[in-house]
């Protein structure tokens, strides 16, 4: 049964960082109010004075919980983990297992996603005149590089199960699925990554992941 904890999520349908948080909220059956922040329309609503008060980085996601404001997708998910305290747990109980899950999540969230996000692409375009085809080649290169490493880490470790770690979804899966979505969107060849493809398909069978998909958001389009 879904729990209403009074969360407000400042969200953009196509943001992979927001996508991660939506997955976590859905897995934990925590209801939230969706507050769209369109990153393109009106010059980017993340730059508005109203949003800048919530997040000086002018970015999403932002989780508002009463008078508290939590920024950064992984910090938000860990807050939900500690706030909720109930199954499903997105971080395993043993320290070494938690470290493995965090290392997989951080590979996506710190090494792959930041150099491919919208503001980086706009900077390459506006400051250096990089054309769209070259920008997209940049994105494909860094996505493929990161995902190849992720695949190797999964395939070489017996801790990998139905999901990135064991047989229930974790923080690592919440980060992987949005990145696979982006890779598919930009035509990255995932053929050499069978473990990633298998886990992505397994995750998308779950209603929590399906409901979090970008095209299923109220502000999609």
C-alpha atoms as a PDB file:
ATOM      1  CA  UNK A   1       0.000   0.000   0.000  1.00  0.00           C
ATOM      2  CA  UNK A   2       1.421   3.357  -1.042  1.00  0.00           C
ATOM      3  CA  UNK A   3       2.377   5.762   1.737  1.00  0.00           C
ATOM      4  CA  UNK A   4       1.832   9.510   1.473  1.00  0.00           C
ATOM      5  CA  UNK A   5       4.826  11.117   3.161  1.00  0.00           C
ATOM      6  CA  UNK A   6       4.188  14.613   1.822  1.00  0.00           C
ATOM      7  CA  UNK A   7       7.009  14.591  -0.719  1.00  0.00           C
ATOM      8  CA  UNK A   8       7.181  17.068  -3.594  1.00  0.00           C
ATOM      9  CA  UNK A   9       9.518  16.096  -6.438  1.00  0.00           C
ATOM     10  CA  UNK A  10      10.787  18.829  -8.737  1.00  0.00           C
ATOM     11  CA  UNK A  11      11.097  16.722 -11.827  1.00  0.00           C
ATOM     12  CA  UNK A  12      11.774  16.775 -15.564  1.00  0.00           C
ATOM     13  CA  UNK A  13      10.431  13.837 -17.518  1.00  0.00           C
ATOM     14  CA  UNK A  14      13.564  13.191 -19.570  1.00  0.00           C
ATOM     15  CA  UNK A  15      16.152  13.795 -16.846  1.00  0.00           C
ATOM     16  CA  UNK A  16      17.896  10.529 -16.024  1.00  0.00           C
ATOM     17  CA  UNK A  17      18.716  11.838 -12.532  1.00  0.00           C
ATOM     18  CA  UNK A  18      14.994  12.414 -11.929  1.00  0.00           C
ATOM     19  CA  UNK A  19      14.237   9.015 -13.442  1.00  0.00           C
ATOM     20  CA  UNK A  20      16.430   7.389 -10.751  1.00  0.00           C
ATOM     21  CA  UNK A  21      14.485   9.089  -7.982  1.00  0.00           C
ATOM     22  CA  UNK A  22      11.116   8.169  -9.485  1.00  0.00           C
ATOM     23  CA  UNK A  23      12.202   4.514  -9.563  1.00  0.00           C
ATOM     24  CA  UNK A  24      13.200   4.638  -5.885  1.00  0.00           C
ATOM     25  CA  UNK A  25       9.961   6.337  -4.824  1.00  0.00           C
ATOM     26  CA  UNK A  26       7.928   3.804  -6.782  1.00  0.00           C
ATOM     27  CA  UNK A  27       9.826   0.801  -5.461  1.00  0.00           C
ATOM     28  CA  UNK A  28       9.250   2.012  -1.907  1.00  0.00           C
ATOM     29  CA  UNK A  29       5.614   2.855  -2.687  1.00  0.00           C
ATOM     30  CA  UNK A  30       6.050   6.415  -1.462  1.00  0.00           C
ATOM     31  CA  UNK A  31       3.548   8.798  -2.993  1.00  0.00           C
ATOM     32  CA  UNK A  32       4.775  12.181  -4.140  1.00  0.00           C
ATOM     33  CA  UNK A  33       3.484  15.329  -5.764  1.00  0.00           C
ATOM     34  CA  UNK A  34       5.022  15.887  -9.163  1.00  0.00           C
ATOM     35  CA  UNK A  35       6.220  19.457  -9.792  1.00  0.00           C
ATOM     36  CA  UNK A  36       7.443  19.770 -13.388  1.00  0.00           C
ATOM     37  CA  UNK A  37      10.505  21.879 -14.116  1.00  0.00           C
ATOM     38  CA  UNK A  38      10.991  21.980 -17.883  1.00  0.00           C
ATOM     39  CA  UNK A  39      14.690  22.159 -18.705  1.00  0.00           C
ATOM     40  CA  UNK A  40      14.156  23.539 -22.222  1.00  0.00           C
ATOM     41  CA  UNK A  41      10.953  25.617 -22.373  1.00  0.00           C
ATOM     42  CA  UNK A  42      11.052  29.314 -21.469  1.00  0.00           C
ATOM     43  CA  UNK A  43      14.840  29.289 -21.568  1.00  0.00           C
ATOM     44  CA  UNK A  44      14.900  26.506 -18.978  1.00  0.00           C
ATOM     45  CA  UNK A  45      12.631  26.727 -15.954  1.00  0.00           C
ATOM     46  CA  UNK A  46      15.484  25.506 -13.748  1.00  0.00           C
ATOM     47  CA  UNK A  47      16.960  29.002 -14.099  1.00  0.00           C
ATOM     48  CA  UNK A  48      13.912  30.742 -12.617  1.00  0.00           C
ATOM     49  CA  UNK A  49      14.265  32.640  -9.353  1.00  0.00           C
ATOM     50  CA  UNK A  50      11.730  30.311  -7.739  1.00  0.00           C
ATOM     51  CA  UNK A  51      13.691  27.183  -8.571  1.00  0.00           C
ATOM     52  CA  UNK A  52      17.048  28.794  -7.827  1.00  0.00           C
ATOM     53  CA  UNK A  53      15.877  29.327  -4.252  1.00  0.00           C
ATOM     54  CA  UNK A  54      15.359  25.585  -3.956  1.00  0.00           C
ATOM     55  CA  UNK A  55      18.543  24.627  -5.764  1.00  0.00           C
ATOM     56  CA  UNK A  56      21.355  27.120  -6.368  1.00  0.00           C
ATOM     57  CA  UNK A  57      22.775  24.651  -8.908  1.00  0.00           C
ATOM     58  CA  UNK A  58      19.708  25.298 -11.092  1.00  0.00           C
ATOM     59  CA  UNK A  59      19.200  21.596 -11.618  1.00  0.00           C
ATOM     60  CA  UNK A  60      16.772  18.774 -10.938  1.00  0.00           C
ATOM     61  CA  UNK A  61      15.800  16.637  -9.138  1.00  0.00           C
ATOM     62  CA  UNK A  62      14.924  18.360  -5.896  1.00  0.00           C
ATOM     63  CA  UNK A  63      12.892  16.638  -3.185  1.00  0.00           C
ATOM     64  CA  UNK A  64      10.942  18.881  -0.843  1.00  0.00           C
ATOM     65  CA  UNK A  65       9.816  17.278   2.394  1.00  0.00           C
ATOM     66  CA  UNK A  66       8.028  19.750   4.614  1.00  0.00           C
ATOM     67  CA  UNK A  67      10.537  22.505   5.287  1.00  0.00           C
ATOM     68  CA  UNK A  68      13.475  20.360   4.175  1.00  0.00           C
ATOM     69  CA  UNK A  69      15.049  20.451   0.721  1.00  0.00           C
ATOM     70  CA  UNK A  70      17.189  17.552  -0.506  1.00  0.00           C
ATOM     71  CA  UNK A  71      19.251  17.890  -3.685  1.00  0.00           C
ATOM     72  CA  UNK A  72      21.260  15.435  -5.817  1.00  0.00           C
ATOM     73  CA  UNK A  73      19.612  12.212  -6.933  1.00  0.00           C
ATOM     74  CA  UNK A  74      21.756   9.768  -4.961  1.00  0.00           C
ATOM     75  CA  UNK A  75      21.457  11.828  -1.787  1.00  0.00           C
ATOM     76  CA  UNK A  76      17.682  11.887  -2.266  1.00  0.00           C
ATOM     77  CA  UNK A  77      17.547   8.113  -2.713  1.00  0.00           C
ATOM     78  CA  UNK A  78      19.662   7.507   0.377  1.00  0.00           C
ATOM     79  CA  UNK A  79      17.383   9.893   2.289  1.00  0.00           C
ATOM     80  CA  UNK A  80      14.403   7.799   1.199  1.00  0.00           C
ATOM     81  CA  UNK A  81      16.280   4.680   2.289  1.00  0.00           C
ATOM     82  CA  UNK A  82      16.883   6.097   5.752  1.00  0.00           C
ATOM     83  CA  UNK A  83      13.503   7.826   6.053  1.00  0.00           C
ATOM     84  CA  UNK A  84      11.435   4.857   5.012  1.00  0.00           C
ATOM     85  CA  UNK A  85      13.285   2.081   6.767  1.00  0.00           C
ATOM     86  CA  UNK A  86      11.113  -0.578   5.136  1.00  0.00           C
ATOM     87  CA  UNK A  87      11.426  -3.076   2.316  1.00  0.00           C
ATOM     88  CA  UNK A  88      12.492  -3.064  -0.340  1.00  0.00           C
ATOM     89  CA  UNK A  89      15.936  -1.980   0.725  1.00  0.00           C
ATOM     90  CA  UNK A  90      17.920  -0.368  -2.088  1.00  0.00           C
ATOM     91  CA  UNK A  91      21.227  -0.807  -0.264  1.00  0.00           C
ATOM     92  CA  UNK A  92      22.255  -4.233   1.066  1.00  0.00           C
ATOM     93  CA  UNK A  93      22.859  -4.746   4.802  1.00  0.00           C
ATOM     94  CA  UNK A  94      26.519  -5.840   4.582  1.00  0.00           C
ATOM     95  CA  UNK A  95      29.162  -3.092   4.192  1.00  0.00           C
ATOM     96  CA  UNK A  96      31.034  -4.805   1.344  1.00  0.00           C
ATOM     97  CA  UNK A  97      27.806  -5.360  -0.585  1.00  0.00           C
ATOM     98  CA  UNK A  98      26.763  -1.740  -0.029  1.00  0.00           C
ATOM     99  CA  UNK A  99      30.143  -0.633  -1.337  1.00  0.00           C
ATOM    100  CA  UNK A 100      29.674  -2.714  -4.499  1.00  0.00           C
ATOM    101  CA  UNK A 101      26.198  -1.307  -5.142  1.00  0.00           C
ATOM    102  CA  UNK A 102      27.396   2.245  -4.541  1.00  0.00           C
ATOM    103  CA  UNK A 103      30.399   1.778  -6.834  1.00  0.00           C
ATOM    104  CA  UNK A 104      28.117   0.649  -9.676  1.00  0.00           C
ATOM    105  CA  UNK A 105      25.712   3.514  -9.056  1.00  0.00           C
ATOM    106  CA  UNK A 106      28.521   6.071  -8.909  1.00  0.00           C
ATOM    107  CA  UNK A 107      30.032   4.807 -12.151  1.00  0.00           C
ATOM    108  CA  UNK A 108      26.832   5.970 -13.853  1.00  0.00           C
ATOM    109  CA  UNK A 109      26.026   8.995 -11.720  1.00  0.00           C
ATOM    110  CA  UNK A 110      29.538  10.462 -11.527  1.00  0.00           C
ATOM    111  CA  UNK A 111      31.491   9.182 -14.532  1.00  0.00           C
ATOM    112  CA  UNK A 112      28.963   8.799 -17.350  1.00  0.00           C
ATOM    113  CA  UNK A 113      25.948  11.033 -16.812  1.00  0.00           C
ATOM    114  CA  UNK A 114      27.601  14.382 -15.903  1.00  0.00           C
ATOM    115  CA  UNK A 115      29.598  14.709 -19.142  1.00  0.00           C
ATOM    116  CA  UNK A 116      26.537  13.950 -21.256  1.00  0.00           C
ATOM    117  CA  UNK A 117      23.845  16.056 -19.629  1.00  0.00           C
ATOM    118  CA  UNK A 118      22.007  18.992 -21.176  1.00  0.00           C
ATOM    119  CA  UNK A 119      24.124  21.814 -19.783  1.00  0.00           C
ATOM    120  CA  UNK A 120      27.340  20.212 -21.033  1.00  0.00           C
ATOM    121  CA  UNK A 121      25.845  19.747 -24.496  1.00  0.00           C
ATOM    122  CA  UNK A 122      24.625  23.353 -24.542  1.00  0.00           C
ATOM    123  CA  UNK A 123      28.072  24.591 -23.496  1.00  0.00           C
ATOM    124  CA  UNK A 124      29.769  22.612 -26.256  1.00  0.00           C
ATOM    125  CA  UNK A 125      27.291  24.079 -28.727  1.00  0.00           C
ATOM    126  CA  UNK A 126      27.261  27.691 -27.556  1.00  0.00           C
ATOM    127  CA  UNK A 127      30.885  28.204 -26.518  1.00  0.00           C
ATOM    128  CA  UNK A 128      32.748  25.996 -28.983  1.00  0.00           C
ATOM    129  CA  UNK A 129      30.333  25.717 -31.895  1.00  0.00           C
ATOM    130  CA  UNK A 130      30.261  21.925 -31.753  1.00  0.00           C
ATOM    131  CA  UNK A 131      27.667  20.702 -34.220  1.00  0.00           C
ATOM    132  CA  UNK A 132      24.885  18.298 -33.250  1.00  0.00           C
ATOM    133  CA  UNK A 133      26.366  15.219 -34.934  1.00  0.00           C
ATOM    134  CA  UNK A 134      29.685  15.758 -33.143  1.00  0.00           C
ATOM    135  CA  UNK A 135      27.924  16.343 -29.812  1.00  0.00           C
ATOM    136  CA  UNK A 136      25.997  13.121 -30.230  1.00  0.00           C
ATOM    137  CA  UNK A 137      29.191  11.239 -31.123  1.00  0.00           C
ATOM    138  CA  UNK A 138      30.664  12.595 -27.875  1.00  0.00           C
ATOM    139  CA  UNK A 139      27.653  11.285 -25.953  1.00  0.00           C
ATOM    140  CA  UNK A 140      27.757   7.859 -27.574  1.00  0.00           C
ATOM    141  CA  UNK A 141      31.484   7.532 -26.910  1.00  0.00           C
ATOM    142  CA  UNK A 142      31.264   8.268 -23.191  1.00  0.00           C
ATOM    143  CA  UNK A 143      28.085   6.246 -22.677  1.00  0.00           C
ATOM    144  CA  UNK A 144      29.598   3.223 -24.427  1.00  0.00           C
ATOM    145  CA  UNK A 145      32.872   3.580 -22.516  1.00  0.00           C
ATOM    146  CA  UNK A 146      31.119   3.695 -19.157  1.00  0.00           C
ATOM    147  CA  UNK A 147      28.629   0.945 -19.934  1.00  0.00           C
ATOM    148  CA  UNK A 148      31.373  -1.385 -21.173  1.00  0.00           C
ATOM    149  CA  UNK A 149      33.078  -1.009 -17.790  1.00  0.00           C
ATOM    150  CA  UNK A 150      29.756  -1.574 -16.038  1.00  0.00           C
ATOM    151  CA  UNK A 151      29.181  -4.739 -18.077  1.00  0.00           C
ATOM    152  CA  UNK A 152      32.608  -6.088 -17.149  1.00  0.00           C
ATOM    153  CA  UNK A 153      31.997  -5.397 -13.468  1.00  0.00           C
ATOM    154  CA  UNK A 154      28.657  -7.216 -13.604  1.00  0.00           C
ATOM    155  CA  UNK A 155      29.804 -10.195 -15.653  1.00  0.00           C
ATOM    156  CA  UNK A 156      32.912 -10.821 -13.557  1.00  0.00           C
ATOM    157  CA  UNK A 157      31.183 -10.887 -10.170  1.00  0.00           C
ATOM    158  CA  UNK A 158      29.143 -13.738  -8.728  1.00  0.00           C
ATOM    159  CA  UNK A 159      27.174 -11.189  -6.695  1.00  0.00           C
ATOM    160  CA  UNK A 160      25.316 -10.264  -9.880  1.00  0.00           C
ATOM    161  CA  UNK A 161      21.935 -11.978  -9.953  1.00  0.00           C
ATOM    162  CA  UNK A 162      18.629 -11.187 -11.598  1.00  0.00           C
ATOM    163  CA  UNK A 163      19.573  -7.579 -10.938  1.00  0.00           C
ATOM    164  CA  UNK A 164      22.872  -5.737 -10.578  1.00  0.00           C
ATOM    165  CA  UNK A 165      23.326  -7.128  -7.078  1.00  0.00           C
ATOM    166  CA  UNK A 166      21.432 -10.241  -6.135  1.00  0.00           C
ATOM    167  CA  UNK A 167      17.812 -10.955  -6.928  1.00  0.00           C
ATOM    168  CA  UNK A 168      16.133  -7.705  -5.909  1.00  0.00           C
ATOM    169  CA  UNK A 169      16.614  -4.212  -7.335  1.00  0.00           C
ATOM    170  CA  UNK A 170      19.053  -1.829  -5.684  1.00  0.00           C
ATOM    171  CA  UNK A 171      20.409   1.678  -6.088  1.00  0.00           C
ATOM    172  CA  UNK A 172      22.603   0.326  -8.903  1.00  0.00           C
ATOM    173  CA  UNK A 173      19.570  -0.723 -10.954  1.00  0.00           C
ATOM    174  CA  UNK A 174      17.895   2.631 -10.333  1.00  0.00           C
ATOM    175  CA  UNK A 175      20.940   4.273 -11.936  1.00  0.00           C
ATOM    176  CA  UNK A 176      21.496   1.743 -14.718  1.00  0.00           C
ATOM    177  CA  UNK A 177      18.010   1.720 -16.264  1.00  0.00           C
ATOM    178  CA  UNK A 178      17.862   5.483 -16.984  1.00  0.00           C
ATOM    179  CA  UNK A 179      21.330   5.318 -18.530  1.00  0.00           C
ATOM    180  CA  UNK A 180      20.273   2.444 -20.784  1.00  0.00           C
ATOM    181  CA  UNK A 181      17.266   4.536 -21.789  1.00  0.00           C
ATOM    182  CA  UNK A 182      19.642   7.347 -22.817  1.00  0.00           C
ATOM    183  CA  UNK A 183      21.937   4.919 -24.615  1.00  0.00           C
ATOM    184  CA  UNK A 184      19.033   3.550 -26.629  1.00  0.00           C
ATOM    185  CA  UNK A 185      17.799   7.055 -27.350  1.00  0.00           C
ATOM    186  CA  UNK A 186      21.146   8.040 -28.879  1.00  0.00           C
ATOM    187  CA  UNK A 187      21.826   4.783 -30.672  1.00  0.00           C
ATOM    188  CA  UNK A 188      24.586   3.271 -28.551  1.00  0.00           C
ATOM    189  CA  UNK A 189      25.231  -0.327 -29.603  1.00  0.00           C
ATOM    190  CA  UNK A 190      24.431  -2.444 -26.547  1.00  0.00           C
ATOM    191  CA  UNK A 191      24.923  -5.764 -28.352  1.00  0.00           C
ATOM    192  CA  UNK A 192      28.264  -6.424 -26.590  1.00  0.00           C
ATOM    193  CA  UNK A 193      26.608  -5.883 -23.183  1.00  0.00           C
ATOM    194  CA  UNK A 194      24.326  -8.894 -22.626  1.00  0.00           C
ATOM    195  CA  UNK A 195      24.274  -8.648 -18.831  1.00  0.00           C
ATOM    196  CA  UNK A 196      23.190  -5.023 -18.931  1.00  0.00           C
ATOM    197  CA  UNK A 197      20.497  -5.789 -21.490  1.00  0.00           C
ATOM    198  CA  UNK A 198      19.216  -8.721 -19.458  1.00  0.00           C
ATOM    199  CA  UNK A 199      19.039  -6.732 -16.231  1.00  0.00           C
ATOM    200  CA  UNK A 200      17.407  -3.769 -17.949  1.00  0.00           C
ATOM    201  CA  UNK A 201      14.701  -6.053 -19.351  1.00  0.00           C
ATOM    202  CA  UNK A 202      14.209  -7.659 -15.934  1.00  0.00           C
ATOM    203  CA  UNK A 203      13.819  -4.268 -14.258  1.00  0.00           C
ATOM    204  CA  UNK A 204      11.295  -3.013 -16.804  1.00  0.00           C
ATOM    205  CA  UNK A 205       9.028  -5.953 -15.986  1.00  0.00           C
ATOM    206  CA  UNK A 206       8.443  -4.367 -12.575  1.00  0.00           C
ATOM    207  CA  UNK A 207       5.584  -1.837 -12.305  1.00  0.00           C
ATOM    208  CA  UNK A 208       7.800   0.557 -10.320  1.00  0.00           C
ATOM    209  CA  UNK A 209      10.257   0.848 -13.212  1.00  0.00           C
ATOM    210  CA  UNK A 210       7.551   0.952 -15.866  1.00  0.00           C
ATOM    211  CA  UNK A 211       5.705   3.788 -14.104  1.00  0.00           C
ATOM    212  CA  UNK A 212       8.959   5.772 -13.832  1.00  0.00           C
ATOM    213  CA  UNK A 213       9.691   5.677 -17.571  1.00  0.00           C
ATOM    214  CA  UNK A 214      10.013   9.147 -19.117  1.00  0.00           C
ATOM    215  CA  UNK A 215       7.139   8.676 -21.571  1.00  0.00           C
ATOM    216  CA  UNK A 216       4.821   7.817 -18.668  1.00  0.00           C
ATOM    217  CA  UNK A 217       5.299  11.144 -16.871  1.00  0.00           C
ATOM    218  CA  UNK A 218       2.582  13.835 -16.852  1.00  0.00           C
ATOM    219  CA  UNK A 219       4.905  16.431 -18.405  1.00  0.00           C
ATOM    220  CA  UNK A 220       6.227  14.156 -21.170  1.00  0.00           C
ATOM    221  CA  UNK A 221       6.449  15.654 -24.638  1.00  0.00           C
END
